[in-house]
Amino acid sequence: MNQSPQAQGRTTAQRSVRTSFPAPDSSGPAADLQRRLSTRHIRFIALGSAIGTGLFYGSSETIKAAGPAVLLAYIVAGAMVFIVMRALGEMAVRHPVAGSFAQYADRYISPLAGFLTGWVFAFEMLMVAIADMVAAGKYMGLWFPSTPGWVWMLAAMLIICGLNLLQVSVFGELEFWFSLIKVVTIIAMIVGGIGLIVFGVSMGGVQPGLHHLVDDGGFAPFGVWGIVMSLAIVVFSFGGVETLGMTAGETGDPGKAIPKAVNSVPFRILIFYILSLGVMFCLFPWRNIGTQGSPFVQVFTGLNIPAAEHIINAVVLTAALSAMNAITYTLIRTLYGLAQQGQAPRSFLKLSRTGVPFLPVTMVFSGLILGLVAFLLIPDTLFLLVASIASFATVFTWVMILVSHYRMRRELRGARVGSGAYRMPAWPVLSWIALAFMTFVLVVLLFSDTGRLALLVGVVLAAALTVVYLVAIKPRHAGRIDLEVAEDV
């Protein structure tokens, strides 16, 4: 394999991370992951992470903040996400490793940056998984109101951790069908909603039409400030799409699969959000969207579908489990990648007979148990806590991806080495634009109570992790990792 240009003459000590993946040996402590995910699996794992309760229920919060003009916020944020994904995709094709952006940050920024990126992202994924677990318990309450929510949360925990112990190809297939249910529901809502608009079918005495986009205060009833304040929520709703990078270590042909997935997934997510919300805006006055439960229930009720509430409840339950499934997969691979970097116990590298990192699965299960205990102690504030941590961590992760990519391209240019066939266009201009946007989002967080809490939790978490790194990791650290370059780059 080819070595990175800086690695060819480097004299400082380094830790090597392989991008070649032989058949796994579960008896050894450092067996490699299996390459059994197809392009179809990769696309739907990313969709499963990014399309969940944020769209089915959380979209009502962004509408309250900006009105119909929130569509602009989704378009702008979606464009920035695409830039991030192109940067991540280029690095993943060059260095197809399971640790993804944590290892890229270690290699191209610093070992401390890699440590922070990996553990902040892992903590984010754990928080989001806990939120999805709580949501699953809440959805089951509709059908079994007398059963305590923690029972269903425990069941969700056992099911998802059990699925993640299966061969990765089985996991990928299950996640494909999980996500497909969500996608079909969204498409059905869009098509059915357009039908109601075209045929002028009134819903609750309200006539559908484009006029709803400008009625009641105009397209932007809260002005530019409303759009700005919705950005933090919108960015959070896109969080999780970066999990696509984690699949590079288990993809049969990363050079082909990753570019296809990167080019399609962000646009698909953006279309789902823009079209579904656009249809809703044309069906109802924007102030009425989500006031009586899920906006999707309102649309399916208008289509005269019997038991719409139960149908959508089944869908959002699947959405929560799908997101929890994809996020758990990502969290396990993050811990595996950190172990490869020497920033987590080496025991995390040992694989089960099915080729899955066994101990990271048990660690995730333990974390979810703590989430279950937290739910029993603070049921009313747990969602706020996990959302605050996740929103900061999402932006932090995206910034580290962009900075890592910038440093990689600059290093390759300095060594006069080509960056490969799949590279971000208009570099470094797009990188600077995206970084400026992420900085702006962090500033926007200061103007809301939940945003300030997110920043506070994020800063405390980063400070604590820095102390851990300086005390426990740096003294035995051998320098930056040396990521080998894929043979076909």
Protein backbone atom coordinates (compact mmCIF):
# COMPACT_ATOMS: atom_id res chain seq x y z
CA MET A 1 0.00 0.00 0.00
CA ASN A 2 1.03 3.59 -0.52
CA GLN A 3 2.11 5.65 2.47
CA SER A 4 0.96 9.19 3.09
CA PRO A 5 3.56 11.72 1.89
CA GLN A 6 4.40 12.93 5.36
CA ALA A 7 4.85 9.37 6.59
CA GLN A 8 7.51 8.51 4.01
CA GLY A 9 10.28 10.42 5.75
CA ARG A 10 8.93 10.86 9.26
CA THR A 11 11.23 10.06 12.14
CA THR A 12 8.86 10.58 15.07
CA ALA A 13 7.23 7.59 16.67
CA GLN A 14 3.82 6.69 15.29
CA ARG A 15 0.99 4.24 15.74
CA SER A 16 0.03 2.41 12.56
CA VAL A 17 -3.60 1.80 11.65
CA ARG A 18 -4.27 -0.66 8.86
CA THR A 19 -6.75 -0.13 6.08
CA SER A 20 -6.32 -3.67 4.79
CA PHE A 21 -8.82 -6.10 6.26
CA PRO A 22 -8.01 -9.81 6.20
CA ALA A 23 -10.41 -12.41 7.45
CA PRO A 24 -11.08 -11.79 11.12
CA ASP A 25 -9.66 -13.96 13.85
CA SER A 26 -11.85 -13.66 16.88
CA SER A 27 -9.25 -15.31 19.06
CA GLY A 28 -6.83 -12.44 18.80
CA PRO A 29 -7.13 -9.05 20.45
CA ALA A 30 -6.74 -7.06 17.28
CA ALA A 31 -8.80 -8.80 14.64
CA ASP A 32 -10.11 -6.67 11.79
CA LEU A 33 -13.69 -5.84 10.93
CA GLN A 34 -15.36 -7.61 8.02
CA ARG A 35 -16.13 -5.81 4.77
CA ARG A 36 -19.74 -6.94 4.24
CA LEU A 37 -21.72 -3.71 3.86
CA SER A 38 -23.04 -2.85 0.40
CA THR A 39 -23.72 0.63 -0.99
CA ARG A 40 -27.42 0.05 -0.29
CA HIS A 41 -26.66 -0.69 3.36
CA ILE A 42 -24.41 2.37 3.72
CA ARG A 43 -27.02 4.74 2.30
CA PHE A 44 -29.76 3.52 4.59
CA ILE A 45 -27.57 3.46 7.71
CA ALA A 46 -26.95 7.17 7.16
CA LEU A 47 -30.64 7.76 6.44
CA GLY A 48 -31.60 5.79 9.53
CA SER A 49 -29.40 8.00 11.71
CA ALA A 50 -30.57 11.33 10.31
CA ILE A 51 -34.28 10.73 9.71
CA GLY A 52 -36.07 9.97 12.94
CA THR A 53 -38.12 11.72 15.57
CA GLY A 54 -36.50 15.00 14.50
CA LEU A 55 -38.59 14.95 11.33
CA PHE A 56 -41.72 13.23 12.59
CA TYR A 57 -42.13 15.40 15.70
CA GLY A 58 -39.20 17.81 16.04
CA SER A 59 -40.04 19.69 12.86
CA SER A 60 -42.91 21.40 14.66
CA GLU A 61 -40.37 23.22 16.85
CA THR A 62 -38.52 24.66 13.86
CA ILE A 63 -41.84 25.78 12.36
CA LYS A 64 -42.72 27.62 15.56
CA ALA A 65 -39.38 29.45 15.39
CA ALA A 66 -39.46 30.61 11.75
CA GLY A 67 -42.82 29.82 10.14
CA PRO A 68 -42.73 28.79 6.45
CA ALA A 69 -39.33 30.48 6.10
CA VAL A 70 -37.82 27.54 7.97
CA LEU A 71 -37.58 25.95 4.51
CA LEU A 72 -34.71 28.35 3.81
CA ALA A 73 -32.96 27.23 6.99
CA TYR A 74 -33.21 23.59 5.91
CA ILE A 75 -31.85 24.43 2.45
CA VAL A 76 -28.87 26.38 3.82
CA ALA A 77 -28.09 23.81 6.51
CA GLY A 78 -28.49 20.99 3.99
CA ALA A 79 -25.94 22.64 1.69
CA MET A 80 -23.48 22.93 4.57
CA VAL A 81 -24.04 19.27 5.48
CA PHE A 82 -23.25 18.29 1.91
CA ILE A 83 -19.92 20.14 2.14
CA VAL A 84 -19.12 18.30 5.36
CA MET A 85 -20.04 14.98 3.76
CA ARG A 86 -17.88 15.63 0.70
CA ALA A 87 -14.94 16.36 2.99
CA LEU A 88 -15.61 13.21 5.01
CA GLY A 89 -16.16 11.14 1.87
CA GLU A 90 -12.82 12.19 0.39
CA MET A 91 -10.99 11.19 3.57
CA ALA A 92 -12.95 7.93 3.88
CA VAL A 93 -12.02 6.89 0.33
CA ARG A 94 -8.36 7.65 1.00
CA HIS A 95 -8.32 6.11 4.48
CA PRO A 96 -11.18 3.56 4.81
CA VAL A 97 -10.92 2.87 8.55
CA ALA A 98 -13.63 2.10 11.10
CA GLY A 99 -12.66 5.01 13.38
CA SER A 100 -13.35 7.48 10.58
CA PHE A 101 -13.16 11.15 11.54
CA ALA A 102 -11.66 10.51 15.01
CA GLN A 103 -8.66 8.88 13.34
CA TYR A 104 -8.52 11.59 10.68
CA ALA A 105 -8.40 14.26 13.40
CA ASP A 106 -5.63 12.33 15.18
CA ARG A 107 -3.59 12.02 11.98
CA TYR A 108 -4.07 15.47 10.47
CA ILE A 109 -4.64 17.76 13.49
CA SER A 110 -3.25 16.22 16.69
CA PRO A 111 -3.69 13.18 18.94
CA LEU A 112 -5.63 15.36 21.40
CA ALA A 113 -7.98 16.41 18.59
CA GLY A 114 -8.54 12.77 17.67
CA PHE A 115 -9.20 11.85 21.29
CA LEU A 116 -11.68 14.70 21.76
CA THR A 117 -13.43 14.04 18.44
CA GLY A 118 -13.86 10.35 19.11
CA TRP A 119 -15.08 10.57 22.68
CA VAL A 120 -17.28 13.65 22.18
CA PHE A 121 -18.92 11.92 19.23
CA ALA A 122 -19.28 8.68 21.21
CA PHE A 123 -20.93 10.56 24.06
CA GLU A 124 -23.22 12.30 21.57
CA MET A 125 -24.28 8.98 20.07
CA LEU A 126 -24.96 7.54 23.51
CA MET A 127 -27.15 10.53 24.40
CA VAL A 128 -29.12 10.26 21.18
CA ALA A 129 -29.53 6.50 21.63
CA ILE A 130 -30.93 7.15 25.11
CA ALA A 131 -33.34 9.71 23.66
CA ASP A 132 -34.54 7.23 21.04
CA MET A 133 -34.92 4.57 23.72
CA VAL A 134 -37.06 6.93 25.80
CA ALA A 135 -39.11 7.79 22.70
CA ALA A 136 -39.71 4.09 21.98
CA GLY A 137 -41.09 3.65 25.49
CA LYS A 138 -43.34 6.66 25.01
CA TYR A 139 -44.73 5.35 21.72
CA MET A 140 -45.51 1.95 23.22
CA GLY A 141 -47.51 3.75 25.90
CA LEU A 142 -50.24 4.48 23.34
CA TRP A 143 -51.04 0.78 23.05
CA PHE A 144 -50.12 -0.30 26.58
CA PRO A 145 -50.86 2.69 28.83
CA SER A 146 -50.75 0.66 32.04
CA THR A 147 -47.26 -0.75 31.42
CA PRO A 148 -44.37 1.34 32.82
CA GLY A 149 -42.26 3.00 30.13
CA TRP A 150 -39.01 1.55 31.48
CA VAL A 151 -40.19 -1.95 30.51
CA TRP A 152 -40.34 -0.98 26.83
CA MET A 153 -37.08 0.95 27.10
CA LEU A 154 -35.37 -2.16 28.46
CA ALA A 155 -36.91 -4.24 25.66
CA ALA A 156 -35.66 -1.75 23.04
CA MET A 157 -32.21 -1.85 24.62
CA LEU A 158 -32.04 -5.66 24.49
CA ILE A 159 -33.33 -5.82 20.90
CA ILE A 160 -30.92 -3.20 19.53
CA CYS A 161 -27.83 -4.52 21.33
CA GLY A 162 -28.79 -8.02 20.22
CA LEU A 163 -29.03 -6.90 16.59
CA ASN A 164 -25.60 -5.30 16.84
CA LEU A 165 -24.09 -8.63 17.88
CA LEU A 166 -25.09 -10.16 14.55
CA GLN A 167 -22.88 -10.20 11.48
CA VAL A 168 -22.58 -6.73 10.02
CA SER A 169 -24.25 -7.85 6.79
CA VAL A 170 -27.32 -8.97 8.77
CA PHE A 171 -27.29 -5.69 10.69
CA GLY A 172 -27.07 -3.73 7.43
CA GLU A 173 -30.00 -5.63 5.94
CA LEU A 174 -32.19 -5.05 9.00
CA GLU A 175 -31.33 -1.36 9.05
CA PHE A 176 -32.19 -1.16 5.36
CA TRP A 177 -35.72 -2.39 6.04
CA PHE A 178 -36.08 -0.27 9.17
CA SER A 179 -35.18 2.86 7.22
CA LEU A 180 -37.25 1.83 4.21
CA ILE A 181 -40.42 1.93 6.34
CA LYS A 182 -39.66 5.55 7.25
CA VAL A 183 -38.85 6.50 3.68
CA VAL A 184 -42.04 4.90 2.32
CA THR A 185 -44.12 6.71 4.96
CA ILE A 186 -42.59 10.08 4.08
CA ILE A 187 -43.10 9.49 0.36
CA ALA A 188 -46.71 8.41 0.99
CA MET A 189 -47.29 11.59 2.97
CA ILE A 190 -45.79 13.75 0.21
CA VAL A 191 -47.75 12.05 -2.59
CA GLY A 192 -50.98 12.01 -0.60
CA GLY A 193 -50.54 15.62 0.43
CA ILE A 194 -49.93 16.72 -3.15
CA GLY A 195 -53.11 14.86 -4.12
CA LEU A 196 -55.09 16.77 -1.50
CA ILE A 197 -53.66 20.06 -2.80
CA VAL A 198 -54.26 19.30 -6.50
CA PHE A 199 -57.85 18.15 -5.96
CA GLY A 200 -58.59 20.87 -3.42
CA VAL A 201 -59.71 18.51 -0.67
CA SER A 202 -60.35 20.57 2.45
CA MET A 203 -59.12 19.31 5.79
CA GLY A 204 -61.10 20.39 8.83
CA GLY A 205 -62.69 23.15 6.83
CA VAL A 206 -59.30 24.47 5.65
CA GLN A 207 -58.77 24.75 1.89
CA PRO A 208 -55.24 23.65 0.86
CA GLY A 209 -53.10 25.78 -1.43
CA LEU A 210 -49.91 27.78 -1.87
CA HIS A 211 -51.55 30.75 -0.17
CA HIS A 212 -50.78 29.20 3.22
CA LEU A 213 -47.09 29.95 2.60
CA VAL A 214 -47.71 33.71 2.80
CA ASP A 215 -50.87 33.99 4.90
CA ASP A 216 -50.70 34.82 8.58
CA GLY A 217 -47.73 37.16 8.72
CA GLY A 218 -46.13 36.38 5.37
CA PHE A 219 -43.50 33.84 4.37
CA ALA A 220 -41.17 34.93 7.18
CA PRO A 221 -43.49 36.02 10.02
CA PHE A 222 -40.59 36.41 12.45
CA GLY A 223 -38.21 37.97 9.95
CA VAL A 224 -34.59 37.03 9.44
CA TRP A 225 -34.14 36.54 13.19
CA GLY A 226 -36.67 33.71 13.18
CA ILE A 227 -34.74 31.90 10.45
CA VAL A 228 -31.49 32.41 12.36
CA MET A 229 -32.92 31.09 15.62
CA SER A 230 -34.24 27.97 13.88
CA LEU A 231 -30.79 27.06 12.55
CA ALA A 232 -29.60 25.37 15.73
CA ILE A 233 -32.62 23.05 15.74
CA VAL A 234 -32.33 22.42 12.00
CA VAL A 235 -28.63 21.53 12.24
CA PHE A 236 -29.40 19.15 15.10
CA SER A 237 -32.06 17.44 12.99
CA PHE A 238 -29.41 16.65 10.34
CA GLY A 239 -27.04 15.27 12.96
CA GLY A 240 -26.10 11.65 12.43
CA VAL A 241 -25.57 11.75 8.67
CA GLU A 242 -21.82 11.72 9.37
CA THR A 243 -22.19 8.13 10.58
CA LEU A 244 -21.73 7.18 6.94
CA GLY A 245 -17.98 7.61 7.48
CA MET A 246 -17.98 4.84 10.08
CA THR A 247 -19.04 2.29 7.46
CA ALA A 248 -15.84 2.68 5.41
CA GLY A 249 -14.05 0.01 7.45
CA GLU A 250 -16.70 -2.60 6.62
CA THR A 251 -17.43 -1.73 3.00
CA GLY A 252 -16.37 -4.12 0.26
CA ASP A 253 -15.28 -1.38 -2.16
CA PRO A 254 -14.99 1.98 -0.36
CA GLY A 255 -13.67 3.71 -3.50
CA LYS A 256 -17.04 3.15 -5.21
CA ALA A 257 -19.53 2.75 -2.37
CA ILE A 258 -18.58 5.82 -0.32
CA PRO A 259 -18.78 8.39 -3.18
CA LYS A 260 -22.15 7.02 -4.31
CA ALA A 261 -23.54 7.18 -0.79
CA VAL A 262 -22.11 10.63 -0.05
CA ASN A 263 -23.50 12.09 -3.26
CA SER A 264 -26.99 10.69 -2.72
CA VAL A 265 -27.72 10.65 1.00
CA PRO A 266 -27.50 14.39 1.82
CA PHE A 267 -29.72 15.27 -1.12
CA ARG A 268 -32.24 12.59 -0.21
CA ILE A 269 -32.42 13.80 3.37
CA LEU A 270 -32.80 17.39 2.22
CA ILE A 271 -35.57 16.42 -0.21
CA PHE A 272 -37.43 14.49 2.46
CA TYR A 273 -37.36 17.45 4.82
CA ILE A 274 -38.08 20.17 2.23
CA LEU A 275 -40.82 18.34 0.32
CA SER A 276 -42.59 16.95 3.38
CA LEU A 277 -42.60 20.30 5.17
CA GLY A 278 -43.49 22.17 1.98
CA VAL A 279 -46.53 19.95 1.50
CA MET A 280 -47.57 20.48 5.11
CA PHE A 281 -47.31 24.26 4.72
CA CYS A 282 -49.68 24.08 1.74
CA LEU A 283 -52.21 21.91 3.59
CA PHE A 284 -52.58 23.79 6.86
CA PRO A 285 -51.99 27.27 8.27
CA TRP A 286 -48.47 27.03 9.65
CA ARG A 287 -49.57 27.85 13.20
CA ASN A 288 -51.74 24.71 13.20
CA ILE A 289 -49.01 22.28 12.15
CA GLY A 290 -48.16 19.88 14.95
CA THR A 291 -50.57 21.42 17.46
CA GLN A 292 -52.62 18.22 17.60
CA GLY A 293 -49.82 15.67 17.68
CA SER A 294 -47.60 14.67 14.79
CA PRO A 295 -48.04 16.64 11.55
CA PHE A 296 -47.96 13.30 9.75
CA VAL A 297 -51.04 12.16 11.66
CA GLN A 298 -52.84 15.30 10.46
CA VAL A 299 -52.06 14.51 6.83
CA PHE A 300 -53.02 10.83 7.02
CA THR A 301 -56.22 11.76 8.83
CA GLY A 302 -57.02 14.12 5.95
CA LEU A 303 -56.55 11.21 3.56
CA ASN A 304 -59.33 9.40 5.46
CA ILE A 305 -57.03 6.55 6.38
CA PRO A 306 -58.56 4.59 9.24
CA ALA A 307 -56.60 4.35 12.48
CA ALA A 308 -54.10 6.98 11.25
CA GLU A 309 -52.91 7.58 14.80
CA HIS A 310 -51.98 3.93 15.28
CA ILE A 311 -50.35 3.63 11.86
CA ILE A 312 -48.13 6.65 12.44
CA ASN A 313 -47.38 5.52 15.98
CA ALA A 314 -46.07 2.26 14.52
CA VAL A 315 -43.99 4.21 12.01
CA VAL A 316 -42.44 6.58 14.56
CA LEU A 317 -41.72 3.59 16.80
CA THR A 318 -39.87 2.02 13.89
CA ALA A 319 -38.14 5.35 13.25
CA ALA A 320 -36.93 5.52 16.84
CA LEU A 321 -35.68 1.92 16.78
CA SER A 322 -34.04 2.44 13.38
CA ALA A 323 -32.19 5.55 14.55
CA MET A 324 -31.21 3.80 17.79
CA ASN A 325 -29.96 0.82 15.77
CA ALA A 326 -27.81 2.91 13.40
CA ILE A 327 -26.50 5.08 16.22
CA THR A 328 -25.56 2.05 18.33
CA TYR A 329 -23.67 0.63 15.35
CA THR A 330 -21.81 3.92 14.97
CA LEU A 331 -21.01 4.15 18.67
CA ILE A 332 -19.58 0.62 18.70
CA ARG A 333 -17.35 1.37 15.69
CA THR A 334 -16.23 4.64 17.28
CA LEU A 335 -15.05 2.80 20.39
CA TYR A 336 -13.31 0.24 18.16
CA GLY A 337 -11.54 3.03 16.27
CA LEU A 338 -10.45 4.73 19.50
CA ALA A 339 -8.92 1.44 20.61
CA GLN A 340 -7.03 1.27 17.33
CA GLN A 341 -5.63 4.71 18.11
CA GLY A 342 -4.54 3.62 21.58
CA GLN A 343 -7.13 5.95 23.15
CA ALA A 344 -9.42 3.22 24.49
CA PRO A 345 -8.68 -0.21 26.03
CA ARG A 346 -7.12 -2.64 23.57
CA SER A 347 -9.68 -5.21 24.67
CA PHE A 348 -12.18 -3.24 22.56
CA LEU A 349 -10.40 -4.62 19.46
CA LYS A 350 -11.33 -8.24 20.13
CA LEU A 351 -14.09 -9.48 17.84
CA SER A 352 -16.82 -12.01 18.42
CA ARG A 353 -17.30 -15.06 16.17
CA THR A 354 -19.61 -12.94 14.02
CA GLY A 355 -16.89 -10.32 13.48
CA VAL A 356 -18.37 -7.71 15.86
CA PRO A 357 -16.44 -5.81 18.59
CA PHE A 358 -17.99 -7.56 21.61
CA LEU A 359 -16.82 -5.41 24.52
CA PRO A 360 -17.94 -2.10 22.93
CA VAL A 361 -21.42 -3.63 22.64
CA THR A 362 -21.40 -4.38 26.38
CA MET A 363 -20.16 -0.85 27.09
CA VAL A 364 -23.01 0.62 25.05
CA PHE A 365 -25.47 -1.59 26.89
CA SER A 366 -24.08 -0.35 30.21
CA GLY A 367 -24.44 3.24 29.05
CA LEU A 368 -28.05 2.64 28.08
CA ILE A 369 -28.69 1.13 31.51
CA LEU A 370 -27.42 4.38 33.04
CA GLY A 371 -29.77 6.24 30.70
CA LEU A 372 -32.63 4.10 31.95
CA VAL A 373 -31.71 4.98 35.55
CA ALA A 374 -31.51 8.67 34.60
CA PHE A 375 -34.98 8.45 33.08
CA LEU A 376 -36.34 7.09 36.35
CA LEU A 377 -34.69 9.96 38.25
CA ILE A 378 -35.29 12.92 35.89
CA PRO A 379 -37.97 11.89 33.38
CA ASP A 380 -39.03 15.47 32.61
CA THR A 381 -35.57 16.90 31.88
CA LEU A 382 -33.71 13.97 30.34
CA PHE A 383 -34.67 14.89 26.77
CA LEU A 384 -33.42 18.46 27.25
CA LEU A 385 -30.14 17.19 28.66
CA VAL A 386 -29.39 14.73 25.86
CA ALA A 387 -30.49 17.16 23.14
CA SER A 388 -28.23 19.87 24.56
CA ILE A 389 -25.20 17.61 24.55
CA ALA A 390 -25.96 16.19 21.10
CA SER A 391 -26.47 19.57 19.43
CA PHE A 392 -23.09 20.88 20.57
CA ALA A 393 -21.35 17.60 19.73
CA THR A 394 -22.85 17.55 16.22
CA VAL A 395 -21.39 20.94 15.34
CA PHE A 396 -18.11 20.07 17.07
CA THR A 397 -17.79 16.88 15.03
CA TRP A 398 -18.55 18.63 11.76
CA VAL A 399 -15.93 21.31 12.52
CA MET A 400 -13.30 18.65 13.23
CA ILE A 401 -14.15 16.88 9.96
CA LEU A 402 -13.71 20.11 8.01
CA VAL A 403 -10.45 21.04 9.74
CA SER A 404 -9.04 17.52 9.28
CA HIS A 405 -9.90 17.59 5.60
CA TYR A 406 -8.35 21.04 5.18
CA ARG A 407 -5.12 19.88 6.82
CA MET A 408 -5.06 16.73 4.67
CA ARG A 409 -5.48 18.63 1.41
CA ARG A 410 -2.87 21.19 2.42
CA GLU A 411 -0.41 18.41 3.29
CA LEU A 412 -1.01 16.62 -0.01
CA ARG A 413 -0.61 19.84 -1.97
CA GLY A 414 2.65 20.63 -0.15
CA ALA A 415 4.00 17.18 -1.01
CA ARG A 416 2.69 17.52 -4.59
CA VAL A 417 0.64 14.35 -4.23
CA GLY A 418 -2.74 14.05 -5.91
CA SER A 419 -5.79 13.88 -3.64
CA GLY A 420 -7.49 11.21 -5.73
CA ALA A 421 -10.40 11.13 -8.15
CA TYR A 422 -13.02 11.82 -5.48
CA ARG A 423 -12.34 15.20 -3.91
CA MET A 424 -14.26 18.19 -2.68
CA PRO A 425 -14.81 20.80 -5.41
CA ALA A 426 -13.88 24.46 -4.91
CA TRP A 427 -11.51 23.70 -2.05
CA PRO A 428 -10.68 25.54 0.20
CA VAL A 429 -13.44 28.10 -0.43
CA LEU A 430 -16.27 25.70 0.45
CA SER A 431 -14.42 24.59 3.57
CA TRP A 432 -14.13 28.15 4.85
CA ILE A 433 -17.80 28.84 4.08
CA ALA A 434 -18.91 25.75 6.00
CA LEU A 435 -16.61 26.55 8.94
CA ALA A 436 -18.00 30.08 9.09
CA PHE A 437 -21.53 28.66 9.13
CA MET A 438 -20.71 26.25 11.98
CA THR A 439 -19.19 29.11 13.98
CA PHE A 440 -22.32 31.16 13.37
CA VAL A 441 -24.51 28.30 14.64
CA LEU A 442 -22.48 28.12 17.86
CA VAL A 443 -22.96 31.86 18.34
CA VAL A 444 -26.70 31.47 17.77
CA LEU A 445 -26.81 28.95 20.62
CA LEU A 446 -25.95 31.77 23.03
CA PHE A 447 -29.33 33.43 22.40
CA SER A 448 -31.50 30.66 23.87
CA ASP A 449 -31.65 28.97 27.24
CA THR A 450 -31.29 25.48 25.80
CA GLY A 451 -28.47 26.67 23.53
CA ARG A 452 -26.51 28.12 26.44
CA LEU A 453 -26.96 24.83 28.30
CA ALA A 454 -25.65 22.98 25.24
CA LEU A 455 -22.52 25.12 25.15
CA LEU A 456 -21.98 24.77 28.88
CA VAL A 457 -22.31 20.98 28.80
CA GLY A 458 -20.08 20.82 25.72
CA VAL A 459 -17.31 22.95 27.22
CA VAL A 460 -17.36 21.00 30.50
CA LEU A 461 -17.25 17.71 28.59
CA ALA A 462 -14.34 18.85 26.39
CA ALA A 463 -12.42 20.14 29.43
CA ALA A 464 -12.92 16.88 31.32
CA LEU A 465 -11.80 14.82 28.33
CA THR A 466 -8.72 17.04 27.91
CA VAL A 467 -7.72 16.38 31.51
CA VAL A 468 -8.17 12.62 30.98
CA TYR A 469 -6.01 12.79 27.86
CA LEU A 470 -3.21 14.74 29.54
CA VAL A 471 -3.16 12.45 32.59
CA ALA A 472 -3.88 8.99 31.15
CA ILE A 473 -3.18 9.05 27.40
CA LYS A 474 -0.41 11.52 26.55
CA PRO A 475 2.30 10.03 28.83
CA ARG A 476 2.18 6.72 26.91
CA HIS A 477 1.26 8.21 23.54
CA ALA A 478 3.57 7.42 20.63
CA GLY A 479 2.62 10.35 18.41
CA ARG A 480 0.13 10.66 15.60
CA ILE A 481 -1.26 7.58 13.94
CA ASP A 482 -0.05 6.80 10.44
CA LEU A 483 -3.04 5.95 8.27
CA GLU A 484 -2.16 3.94 5.21
CA VAL A 485 -3.65 4.96 1.90
CA ALA A 486 -6.08 2.68 0.06
CA GLU A 487 -4.49 0.88 -2.88
CA ASP A 488 -6.84 2.30 -5.50
CA VAL A 489 -6.29 5.99 -4.55
